[in-house]
Protein backbone atom coordinates (compact mmCIF):
# COMPACT_ATOMS: atom_id res chain seq x y z
CA MET A 1 -14.29 -3.54 20.74
CA ASN A 2 -15.94 -4.31 24.06
CA SER A 3 -14.31 -7.30 25.74
CA ALA A 4 -13.14 -8.34 29.19
CA HIS A 5 -14.34 -4.93 30.30
CA THR A 6 -14.77 -6.09 33.89
CA LEU A 7 -11.04 -5.46 34.20
CA GLN A 8 -11.82 -1.75 33.87
CA LYS A 9 -13.37 -1.74 37.35
CA LYS A 10 -10.19 -2.69 39.16
CA HIS A 11 -6.98 -4.48 38.41
CA ARG A 12 -4.02 -5.85 40.26
CA TYR A 13 -1.02 -7.99 39.42
CA ILE A 14 -0.05 -11.03 41.39
CA THR A 15 3.40 -10.80 42.95
CA PRO A 16 5.23 -13.23 45.24
CA GLN A 17 4.47 -10.94 48.17
CA GLN A 18 0.70 -11.12 47.67
CA HIS A 19 -1.66 -13.80 48.92
CA ILE A 20 -1.48 -16.84 46.64
CA THR A 21 -4.79 -18.67 46.23
CA LYS A 22 -5.35 -22.28 45.28
CA ASP A 23 -6.51 -21.15 41.83
CA THR A 24 -3.28 -19.20 41.38
CA ILE A 25 -1.24 -22.27 42.27
CA LEU A 26 -3.19 -24.39 39.75
CA LEU A 27 -2.77 -21.71 37.10
CA ARG A 28 0.96 -21.51 37.64
CA ALA A 29 1.25 -25.29 37.47
CA LEU A 30 -0.59 -25.26 34.14
CA LEU A 31 1.65 -22.53 32.76
CA GLN A 32 4.75 -24.40 33.89
CA LYS A 33 3.58 -27.49 32.00
CA ASN A 34 2.87 -25.30 28.98
CA ARG A 35 6.36 -23.84 29.06
CA GLU A 36 7.96 -27.26 29.53
CA PHE A 37 6.07 -28.55 26.50
CA PHE A 38 7.48 -25.73 24.40
CA GLU A 39 10.99 -26.47 25.63
CA THR A 40 10.74 -30.03 24.31
CA GLY A 41 11.06 -28.53 20.83
CA LYS A 42 8.03 -30.42 19.44
CA THR A 43 6.29 -27.25 18.28
CA ARG A 44 9.27 -26.21 16.14
CA ASP A 45 8.68 -29.12 13.76
CA VAL A 46 6.69 -27.80 10.79
CA VAL A 47 5.00 -31.18 10.29
CA PHE A 48 3.78 -31.00 13.89
CA ARG A 49 2.36 -27.53 13.26
CA ILE A 50 0.51 -28.63 10.13
CA THR A 51 -0.89 -31.64 11.98
CA GLN A 52 -2.21 -29.41 14.77
CA LEU A 53 -3.82 -27.02 12.27
CA LYS A 54 -5.56 -29.95 10.60
CA MET A 55 -6.75 -31.16 13.99
CA LEU A 56 -8.17 -27.71 14.71
CA LYS A 57 -10.06 -27.68 11.42
CA THR A 58 -11.44 -31.18 12.11
CA ALA A 59 -12.51 -30.12 15.61
CA ILE A 60 -14.36 -27.08 14.31
CA LYS A 61 -16.20 -29.22 11.78
CA ALA A 62 -17.14 -31.79 14.42
CA ASN A 63 -18.38 -29.07 16.78
CA ARG A 64 -20.20 -27.01 14.17
CA ASP A 65 -23.69 -27.50 15.58
CA ILE A 66 -22.55 -26.90 19.15
CA ILE A 67 -20.78 -23.68 18.13
CA LEU A 68 -23.87 -22.39 16.35
CA LYS A 69 -26.12 -23.29 19.28
CA THR A 70 -23.96 -21.58 21.89
CA LEU A 71 -23.73 -18.44 19.74
CA TRP A 72 -27.51 -18.42 19.66
CA ASP A 73 -27.68 -18.96 23.42
CA ASP A 74 -25.28 -16.10 24.15
CA LEU A 75 -26.15 -13.55 21.45
CA LYS A 76 -29.15 -14.90 19.52
CA LYS A 77 -26.77 -14.86 16.57
CA PRO A 78 -28.53 -16.19 13.44
CA PRO A 79 -26.95 -19.50 12.29
CA SER A 80 -26.08 -18.37 8.75
CA GLU A 81 -24.44 -15.21 10.07
CA ALA A 82 -22.67 -17.15 12.81
CA TYR A 83 -21.33 -19.74 10.39
CA ALA A 84 -19.91 -17.18 7.98
CA ALA A 85 -18.29 -14.98 10.62
CA GLU A 86 -17.24 -17.48 13.27
CA ILE A 87 -16.53 -20.70 11.37
CA GLY A 88 -16.05 -19.97 7.68
CA LEU A 89 -13.54 -17.18 8.20
CA VAL A 90 -11.46 -19.30 10.59
CA ASN A 91 -11.51 -22.28 8.21
CA HIS A 92 -10.11 -20.09 5.44
CA GLU A 93 -7.31 -18.94 7.77
CA ILE A 94 -6.46 -22.55 8.66
CA GLU A 95 -6.42 -23.71 5.05
CA TYR A 96 -4.20 -20.82 3.99
CA ALA A 97 -1.74 -21.46 6.85
CA ILE A 98 -1.56 -25.20 6.08
CA ALA A 99 -0.79 -24.44 2.44
CA HIS A 100 1.97 -21.90 3.13
CA VAL A 101 3.58 -22.54 6.52
CA LYS A 102 6.37 -24.70 5.08
CA ARG A 103 7.51 -21.74 3.05
CA TRP A 104 7.04 -19.23 5.88
CA VAL A 105 9.28 -21.12 8.32
CA LYS A 106 12.21 -20.99 5.90
CA GLY A 107 12.57 -17.29 6.37
CA ARG A 108 13.98 -15.08 3.67
CA LYS A 109 17.32 -13.92 2.39
CA ALA A 110 18.57 -10.43 3.22
CA GLY A 111 21.22 -8.26 1.68
CA THR A 112 24.72 -7.70 3.06
CA PRO A 113 26.54 -4.34 2.79
CA ARG A 114 29.70 -4.46 0.72
CA SER A 115 31.72 -3.31 3.72
CA LEU A 116 30.67 -6.47 5.62
CA SER A 117 31.24 -8.95 2.80
CA PRO A 118 31.77 -11.77 2.37
CA ALA A 119 28.77 -12.92 4.37
CA LYS A 120 25.34 -14.49 3.97
CA SER A 121 22.44 -12.69 5.67
CA MET A 122 18.91 -13.88 6.31
CA ILE A 123 15.85 -13.33 8.48
CA MET A 124 14.72 -16.48 10.28
CA PRO A 125 11.38 -16.72 12.11
CA GLU A 126 11.38 -18.44 15.49
CA PRO A 127 8.44 -18.96 17.88
CA TYR A 128 8.18 -16.71 20.89
CA GLY A 129 7.28 -19.56 23.22
CA MET A 130 4.20 -19.47 25.44
CA VAL A 131 1.55 -17.01 24.23
CA LEU A 132 -1.62 -15.73 25.84
CA ILE A 133 -4.67 -14.96 23.67
CA ILE A 134 -7.49 -13.04 25.35
CA GLY A 135 -10.72 -12.98 23.35
CA PRO A 136 -13.96 -10.96 23.45
CA TRP A 137 -17.60 -11.91 23.76
CA ASN A 138 -18.94 -10.50 20.48
CA TYR A 139 -17.23 -13.06 18.20
CA PRO A 140 -16.16 -15.55 20.87
CA PHE A 141 -14.88 -18.22 18.47
CA GLN A 142 -13.46 -16.27 15.54
CA LEU A 143 -11.53 -13.74 17.61
CA ILE A 144 -9.75 -16.42 19.62
CA LEU A 145 -9.34 -19.08 16.94
CA ALA A 146 -8.08 -16.80 14.15
CA PRO A 147 -5.11 -15.59 16.21
CA LEU A 148 -4.61 -19.15 17.46
CA VAL A 149 -4.03 -20.22 13.84
CA GLY A 150 -1.10 -17.79 13.68
CA ALA A 151 0.24 -18.93 17.03
CA ILE A 152 0.16 -22.61 16.02
CA ALA A 153 1.68 -21.93 12.59
CA ALA A 154 4.50 -19.98 14.23
CA GLY A 155 5.31 -22.88 16.58
CA ASN A 156 4.13 -21.58 19.96
CA THR A 157 2.19 -23.09 22.80
CA ALA A 158 -0.94 -21.16 23.74
CA VAL A 159 -3.19 -20.31 26.65
CA LEU A 160 -6.66 -19.03 25.68
CA LYS A 161 -8.80 -16.79 27.89
CA PRO A 162 -12.35 -16.40 26.49
CA SER A 163 -14.80 -13.82 27.80
CA GLU A 164 -17.00 -14.78 30.72
CA LEU A 165 -19.77 -12.63 29.20
CA ALA A 166 -20.45 -15.34 26.60
CA PRO A 167 -20.51 -18.31 28.99
CA HIS A 168 -22.02 -20.91 26.65
CA SER A 169 -19.49 -20.17 23.93
CA SER A 170 -16.67 -20.09 26.45
CA GLN A 171 -17.53 -23.56 27.70
CA ALA A 172 -17.93 -24.93 24.19
CA LEU A 173 -14.52 -23.54 23.26
CA ALA A 174 -12.96 -25.09 26.36
CA ASP A 175 -14.55 -28.47 25.61
CA MET A 176 -13.46 -28.41 21.97
CA ILE A 177 -9.87 -27.39 22.69
CA GLY A 178 -9.62 -29.76 25.65
CA SER A 179 -10.74 -32.77 23.62
CA THR A 180 -8.46 -31.91 20.66
CA PHE A 181 -5.08 -30.87 22.04
CA ASP A 182 -2.75 -31.86 24.85
CA ARG A 183 -3.51 -29.54 27.75
CA GLU A 184 0.18 -28.77 28.09
CA TYR A 185 0.19 -27.53 24.49
CA ILE A 186 -3.03 -25.51 24.17
CA SER A 187 -5.34 -24.85 27.08
CA VAL A 188 -8.36 -22.73 27.89
CA VAL A 189 -8.62 -20.84 31.17
CA GLN A 190 -12.16 -19.76 32.04
CA GLY A 191 -13.26 -17.31 34.68
CA GLY A 192 -14.11 -13.72 35.50
CA ILE A 193 -12.20 -10.76 36.81
CA ASP A 194 -10.17 -12.65 39.43
CA THR A 195 -9.00 -15.19 36.85
CA ALA A 196 -8.12 -12.43 34.41
CA GLN A 197 -6.13 -10.60 37.08
CA ASP A 198 -4.26 -13.75 38.05
CA ILE A 199 -3.36 -14.68 34.52
CA LEU A 200 -2.17 -11.15 33.71
CA GLY A 201 0.18 -11.37 36.64
CA GLU A 202 2.07 -14.26 35.06
CA LYS A 203 4.87 -14.09 32.53
CA PHE A 204 4.16 -14.95 28.91
CA ASP A 205 6.35 -14.60 25.84
CA TYR A 206 3.65 -12.87 23.79
CA LEU A 207 0.24 -11.42 24.58
CA PHE A 208 -2.59 -11.00 22.06
CA PHE A 209 -5.71 -9.11 23.16
CA THR A 210 -8.94 -8.26 21.39
CA GLY A 211 -11.21 -5.86 23.25
CA GLY A 212 -11.81 -2.26 24.20
CA ALA A 213 -9.28 0.55 24.47
CA LYS A 214 -9.72 0.99 28.23
CA THR A 215 -9.03 -2.67 28.90
CA GLY A 216 -6.25 -2.57 26.32
CA LYS A 217 -4.40 -0.05 28.50
CA ILE A 218 -4.68 -2.42 31.46
CA ILE A 219 -3.42 -5.31 29.32
CA MET A 220 -0.47 -3.26 28.09
CA SER A 221 0.37 -2.16 31.62
CA ALA A 222 0.35 -5.77 32.81
CA ALA A 223 2.53 -6.85 29.89
CA ALA A 224 5.00 -4.09 30.73
CA GLN A 225 5.72 -5.72 34.09
CA HIS A 226 7.46 -8.53 32.20
CA LEU A 227 8.40 -6.56 29.05
CA THR A 228 6.09 -8.88 27.12
CA PRO A 229 5.40 -7.84 23.51
CA VAL A 230 1.73 -7.32 22.71
CA THR A 231 -0.77 -7.07 19.90
CA LEU A 232 -3.86 -5.06 20.78
CA GLU A 233 -6.90 -5.37 18.51
CA LEU A 234 -9.22 -2.64 19.72
CA GLY A 235 -11.97 -0.67 17.97
CA GLY A 236 -13.09 2.94 17.88
CA LYS A 237 -15.45 5.00 15.81
CA SER A 238 -15.15 3.75 12.25
CA PRO A 239 -16.76 6.22 9.82
CA VAL A 240 -18.68 5.39 6.67
CA ILE A 241 -18.52 8.23 4.17
CA VAL A 242 -20.91 8.54 1.23
CA ASP A 243 -20.16 11.19 -1.39
CA ARG A 244 -22.34 12.52 -4.22
CA SER A 245 -20.88 10.14 -6.80
CA ALA A 246 -21.72 6.98 -4.83
CA SER A 247 -24.33 4.43 -5.82
CA ILE A 248 -26.87 5.35 -3.16
CA ASP A 249 -28.78 2.08 -3.36
CA LEU A 250 -25.65 -0.07 -3.06
CA ALA A 251 -24.25 2.10 -0.26
CA ALA A 252 -27.49 1.83 1.73
CA LYS A 253 -27.69 -1.93 1.30
CA LYS A 254 -24.14 -2.56 2.43
CA ILE A 255 -24.27 -0.07 5.30
CA VAL A 256 -27.40 -1.73 6.72
CA TRP A 257 -25.78 -5.14 6.47
CA GLY A 258 -22.47 -4.08 8.03
CA LYS A 259 -23.98 -1.92 10.76
CA PHE A 260 -26.60 -4.37 12.04
CA ILE A 261 -24.79 -7.69 11.66
CA ASN A 262 -24.36 -9.17 15.16
CA THR A 263 -26.77 -6.43 16.31
CA GLY A 264 -24.09 -3.82 15.77
CA GLN A 265 -21.75 -5.49 18.24
CA THR A 266 -18.85 -5.62 15.81
CA CYS A 267 -15.57 -3.77 16.18
CA LEU A 268 -15.53 -3.12 12.42
CA ALA A 269 -19.13 -1.96 12.14
CA PRO A 270 -19.67 1.51 10.68
CA ASP A 271 -19.93 3.60 13.84
CA TYR A 272 -21.23 6.79 12.29
CA LEU A 273 -22.37 7.97 8.87
CA LEU A 274 -20.92 11.00 7.08
CA VAL A 275 -23.03 11.70 4.00
CA HIS A 276 -22.88 14.56 1.50
CA ARG A 277 -25.78 16.86 2.26
CA ASP A 278 -27.08 16.63 -1.33
CA VAL A 279 -27.75 12.86 -1.09
CA LYS A 280 -28.60 12.49 2.60
CA ASP A 281 -32.38 12.21 2.22
CA ALA A 282 -32.14 9.69 -0.59
CA LEU A 283 -29.66 7.58 1.37
CA LEU A 284 -31.77 7.55 4.55
CA ASP A 285 -34.84 6.52 2.54
CA ARG A 286 -32.92 3.57 1.09
CA ILE A 287 -31.48 2.62 4.49
CA LYS A 288 -35.01 2.50 5.91
CA GLN A 289 -36.12 0.34 2.97
CA TYR A 290 -33.29 -2.17 3.45
CA ILE A 291 -33.84 -2.44 7.20
CA ARG A 292 -37.41 -3.41 6.44
CA GLU A 293 -36.32 -5.78 3.65
CA PHE A 294 -33.70 -7.54 5.81
CA TYR A 295 -35.56 -7.71 9.14
CA GLY A 296 -39.24 -7.14 8.36
CA GLU A 297 -41.68 -4.58 9.71
CA ASN A 298 -40.88 -5.69 13.26
CA PRO A 299 -37.21 -6.77 13.60
CA LYS A 300 -38.01 -8.08 17.08
CA LEU A 301 -39.72 -11.03 15.39
CA SER A 302 -36.98 -11.64 12.84
CA LYS A 303 -34.86 -14.80 12.99
CA HIS A 304 -32.07 -12.81 11.38
CA TYR A 305 -31.65 -10.19 14.11
CA GLY A 306 -29.88 -10.82 17.40
CA ARG A 307 -29.84 -9.34 20.88
CA ILE A 308 -27.62 -7.25 23.12
CA ILE A 309 -25.11 -9.22 25.19
CA SER A 310 -26.04 -7.98 28.70
CA GLN A 311 -28.22 -5.60 30.70
CA LYS A 312 -25.24 -3.37 31.38
CA HIS A 313 -24.58 -2.99 27.68
CA PHE A 314 -28.31 -2.52 27.02
CA HIS A 315 -28.51 0.34 29.52
CA ARG A 316 -25.45 2.03 28.05
CA LEU A 317 -26.97 1.89 24.57
CA SER A 318 -30.32 3.13 25.88
CA ARG A 319 -28.55 6.21 27.21
CA ILE A 320 -26.92 6.81 23.82
CA LEU A 321 -30.36 6.66 22.18
CA ARG A 322 -31.18 10.02 23.78
CA SER A 323 -28.81 11.84 21.42
CA GLY A 324 -30.14 13.63 18.33
CA SER A 325 -33.43 12.77 16.62
CA ARG A 326 -34.51 9.22 15.82
CA VAL A 327 -35.49 9.01 12.18
CA ILE A 328 -35.57 5.21 11.93
CA GLY A 329 -36.30 2.69 14.71
CA GLY A 330 -35.52 3.34 18.35
CA ARG A 331 -37.84 0.87 20.08
CA THR A 332 -36.41 -1.26 22.90
CA ASP A 333 -37.41 -4.16 25.14
CA GLU A 334 -35.21 -4.71 28.18
CA SER A 335 -36.81 -8.06 28.98
CA GLN A 336 -35.38 -9.42 25.70
CA LEU A 337 -32.30 -7.17 25.59
CA TYR A 338 -33.70 -5.94 22.27
CA ILE A 339 -32.84 -2.68 20.56
CA GLU A 340 -34.36 -2.03 17.16
CA PRO A 341 -32.11 -1.05 14.22
CA THR A 342 -31.93 2.69 14.75
CA VAL A 343 -30.76 5.72 12.76
CA ILE A 344 -30.31 9.05 14.55
CA ASP A 345 -30.12 12.39 12.74
CA ASN A 346 -29.20 15.91 13.90
CA VAL A 347 -26.18 14.63 15.79
CA THR A 348 -23.45 16.92 17.13
CA MET A 349 -19.84 16.10 17.98
CA SER A 350 -20.39 16.98 21.65
CA GLN A 351 -23.17 14.42 22.24
CA PRO A 352 -22.42 11.06 23.93
CA ILE A 353 -23.19 9.18 20.71
CA MET A 354 -20.10 10.78 19.11
CA GLN A 355 -17.88 10.58 22.19
CA GLU A 356 -17.61 6.80 22.54
CA GLU A 357 -17.69 3.67 20.43
CA ILE A 358 -21.36 2.71 20.06
CA PHE A 359 -21.00 -1.06 19.68
CA GLY A 360 -24.68 -1.56 19.08
CA PRO A 361 -27.46 -1.16 16.47
CA ILE A 362 -27.48 2.64 16.47
CA LEU A 363 -26.23 4.70 13.51
CA PRO A 364 -25.73 8.46 13.98
CA VAL A 365 -25.79 10.66 10.87
CA MET A 366 -23.88 13.83 10.05
CA THR A 367 -23.50 15.67 6.76
CA PHE A 368 -20.55 17.26 4.98
CA LYS A 369 -20.12 19.84 2.23
CA SER A 370 -16.79 18.67 0.85
CA LEU A 371 -14.37 15.81 1.24
CA GLU A 372 -12.01 18.21 3.02
CA ASN A 373 -14.77 18.80 5.54
CA ALA A 374 -15.37 15.03 5.93
CA ALA A 375 -11.65 14.33 6.39
CA SER A 376 -11.47 17.08 9.02
CA ILE A 377 -14.26 15.42 11.03
CA VAL A 378 -12.56 12.03 10.85
CA ASN A 379 -9.18 13.48 11.82
CA SER A 380 -10.67 15.33 14.81
CA MET A 381 -11.26 11.97 16.53
CA PRO A 382 -8.95 9.10 17.54
CA LYS A 383 -7.78 6.98 14.62
CA PRO A 384 -10.42 4.33 13.80
CA LEU A 385 -10.01 0.64 13.11
CA ALA A 386 -11.56 1.07 9.65
CA LEU A 387 -12.67 3.80 7.28
CA TYR A 388 -15.37 3.09 4.71
CA LEU A 389 -15.90 5.22 1.62
CA PHE A 390 -18.62 4.92 -0.99
CA THR A 391 -17.69 6.84 -4.12
CA GLY A 392 -17.50 6.59 -7.88
CA SER A 393 -14.64 9.04 -8.01
CA LYS A 394 -11.00 7.99 -8.18
CA GLU A 395 -9.98 11.45 -6.97
CA SER A 396 -12.24 11.18 -3.90
CA ARG A 397 -10.90 7.72 -3.11
CA GLU A 398 -7.27 8.82 -3.34
CA TYR A 399 -7.93 11.97 -1.33
CA MET A 400 -9.49 10.14 1.62
CA ILE A 401 -6.82 7.41 1.64
CA ARG A 402 -4.04 10.02 1.64
CA ASN A 403 -5.56 12.48 4.08
CA THR A 404 -6.90 10.23 6.85
CA SER A 405 -5.38 7.55 9.06
CA SER A 406 -7.08 4.30 10.03
CA GLY A 407 -6.28 0.65 10.61
CA GLY A 408 -7.67 -0.20 7.19
CA VAL A 409 -9.73 1.28 4.36
CA CYS A 410 -12.53 -0.40 2.42
CA VAL A 411 -13.95 1.40 -0.62
CA ASN A 412 -17.53 0.72 -1.75
CA ASP A 413 -18.07 -1.93 0.91
CA VAL A 414 -17.91 -2.44 4.67
CA VAL A 415 -16.45 -5.00 7.08
CA ILE A 416 -15.55 -7.65 4.48
CA HIS A 417 -11.85 -6.75 4.25
CA ILE A 418 -11.39 -8.71 7.49
CA GLY A 419 -11.85 -11.86 5.39
CA ASN A 420 -8.90 -11.11 3.11
CA TYR A 421 -6.03 -13.10 4.64
CA HIS A 422 -3.63 -11.50 2.15
CA LEU A 423 -4.09 -8.20 4.02
CA PRO A 424 -2.83 -7.50 7.55
CA PHE A 425 -5.70 -6.71 9.89
CA GLY A 426 -5.15 -4.36 12.80
CA GLY A 427 -5.57 -0.88 14.18
CA VAL A 428 -3.50 2.25 14.61
CA GLY A 429 -3.32 4.62 17.56
CA GLU A 430 -6.26 4.06 19.91
CA SER A 431 -7.73 1.41 17.60
CA GLY A 432 -4.81 -0.91 18.33
CA MET A 433 -1.27 -1.94 17.53
CA GLY A 434 0.04 -4.87 15.55
CA ALA A 435 -1.84 -6.95 13.00
CA TYR A 436 -2.64 -10.55 12.04
CA HIS A 437 -4.31 -12.84 9.46
CA GLY A 438 -2.49 -14.94 6.87
CA ARG A 439 1.28 -14.56 6.79
CA THR A 440 1.01 -11.48 9.00
CA GLY A 441 -0.48 -13.66 11.75
CA PHE A 442 2.42 -16.07 11.46
CA GLU A 443 4.90 -13.20 11.68
CA THR A 444 3.05 -11.61 14.61
CA PHE A 445 3.65 -14.72 16.70
CA SER A 446 7.24 -15.13 15.44
CA HIS A 447 10.41 -13.36 16.46
CA MET A 448 12.05 -12.40 13.18
CA LYS A 449 15.64 -13.25 14.03
CA SER A 450 18.49 -11.64 12.11
CA VAL A 451 21.24 -14.08 11.09
CA MET A 452 24.56 -13.24 9.41
CA ILE A 453 27.05 -16.02 8.55
CA LYS A 454 30.69 -15.27 7.81
CA PRO A 455 33.17 -17.74 6.33
CA GLN A 456 35.69 -18.87 8.93
CA ASN A 457 38.74 -18.59 6.66
CA ARG A 458 38.28 -14.99 5.57
CA ASP A 459 39.09 -11.86 7.59
CA ILE A 460 39.92 -8.20 7.18
CA PRO A 461 43.04 -7.35 9.21
CA LYS A 462 42.44 -3.60 8.95
CA ARG A 463 39.41 -3.80 11.25
CA TYR A 464 41.59 -4.36 14.34
CA PRO A 465 43.60 -1.81 16.37
CA PRO A 466 46.03 -0.20 16.51
CA HIS A 467 44.59 2.17 13.92
CA SER A 468 46.47 4.76 11.89
CA LYS A 469 46.63 8.37 13.08
CA THR A 470 46.75 9.50 9.47
CA GLY A 471 43.81 10.08 7.21
CA SER A 472 43.24 6.41 6.42
CA ILE A 473 40.79 4.49 8.56
CA PHE A 474 43.05 1.55 9.37
CA ARG A 475 46.76 1.58 10.12
CA ARG A 476 48.95 -0.42 7.81
CA THR A 477 51.67 -2.45 9.48
CA SER A 478 55.09 -1.12 8.52
CA SER A 479 57.88 -3.35 7.23
CA LYS A 480 59.74 -2.71 10.46
CA GLY A 481 56.85 -4.14 12.46
């Protein structure tokens, strides 16, 4: 995922020996208030948490039109697409948390070894304290608000840092949060690289970041200065594999939808296509048909197709377009930050298009002879955030699940598993660490504290020294004392 990538240029961490600016002083004052609010204990009350979740849902509903407008202003994101991905998904997360948080906070019983009995053991969740959530520009509401749901449900206070690359959405988020919650409880800090550097120099109790792998390393390094636990939601090259037994029409339809939603600027988008050589031509024909059906003969004129976030990102994607042979699309317009839905054939592993996450409306195509061959290609690259497989074969499905590693797997569909709050969502290896959504989000922002309670009137004398020198573990006191 591309987010907060300006931190890749340079980074530093504020220390007491460095020059302290006025903005740093204001930031530290805000964080102190945030920490003091947590220490009042208000956030530990489950009724308080439910109330705040309901307030968040109400705020989102009240700001619906503003959210949709700012997403259009920043990304030309179509309203129906924006509502489903940025509002609807978050609402489902809120509703699920409200319905279950009373049960989650109770913790769960745990077993006790016979050697330690009698005792009662349990695992009790407790909030970390003050958490920092850093969000990206591609889904500027969903990818801050969905983790915020977990942070609120777990009983934390939160500081939110949206991306400066989506300025309209960032301001709308700040206005919505500022008018809904006490600033000492949940606050939004806006700004560019200097602000990000300053905030990363401060101590938090948990850090949640969604963005690219390069920036993720910087985030993790900053967190290490305070031994702060982190969740990193990154990205990578998520493959979509189509075998001979797949429904070619259905595969094409879903691939086109998942690849070109948000103009390809989605961490979960299929990054490259691996198709069995026997069905490649048929699949590409259907992909071309569905691009035309979804976006018309000229997608530039479509109300359902967005734009690239910035000139820098546009130029990077334009460079990637030089790989392989364009078989569908490829037209661009820098003045509108427009790149047509594009499919590129005759791609090799050494080309730039296969060496970095694309994060745009460009789909490279490679073929395979066998599933073993496809798995080998996937396993030759860093572990992806998702793996997509279209197949009608149970054996093929089980083989790919067993013989590849990815953050998640979705069979006969793409992207939509992010909406299943019963499943943890997260990466593995270079695609991230940790997960969230539903109960997993609550547990991510909770320290799962081990508790063992012994009765005060029971003891085992043999546990104490002096111990026997004979074969028995504990020495028995002789009658002579």
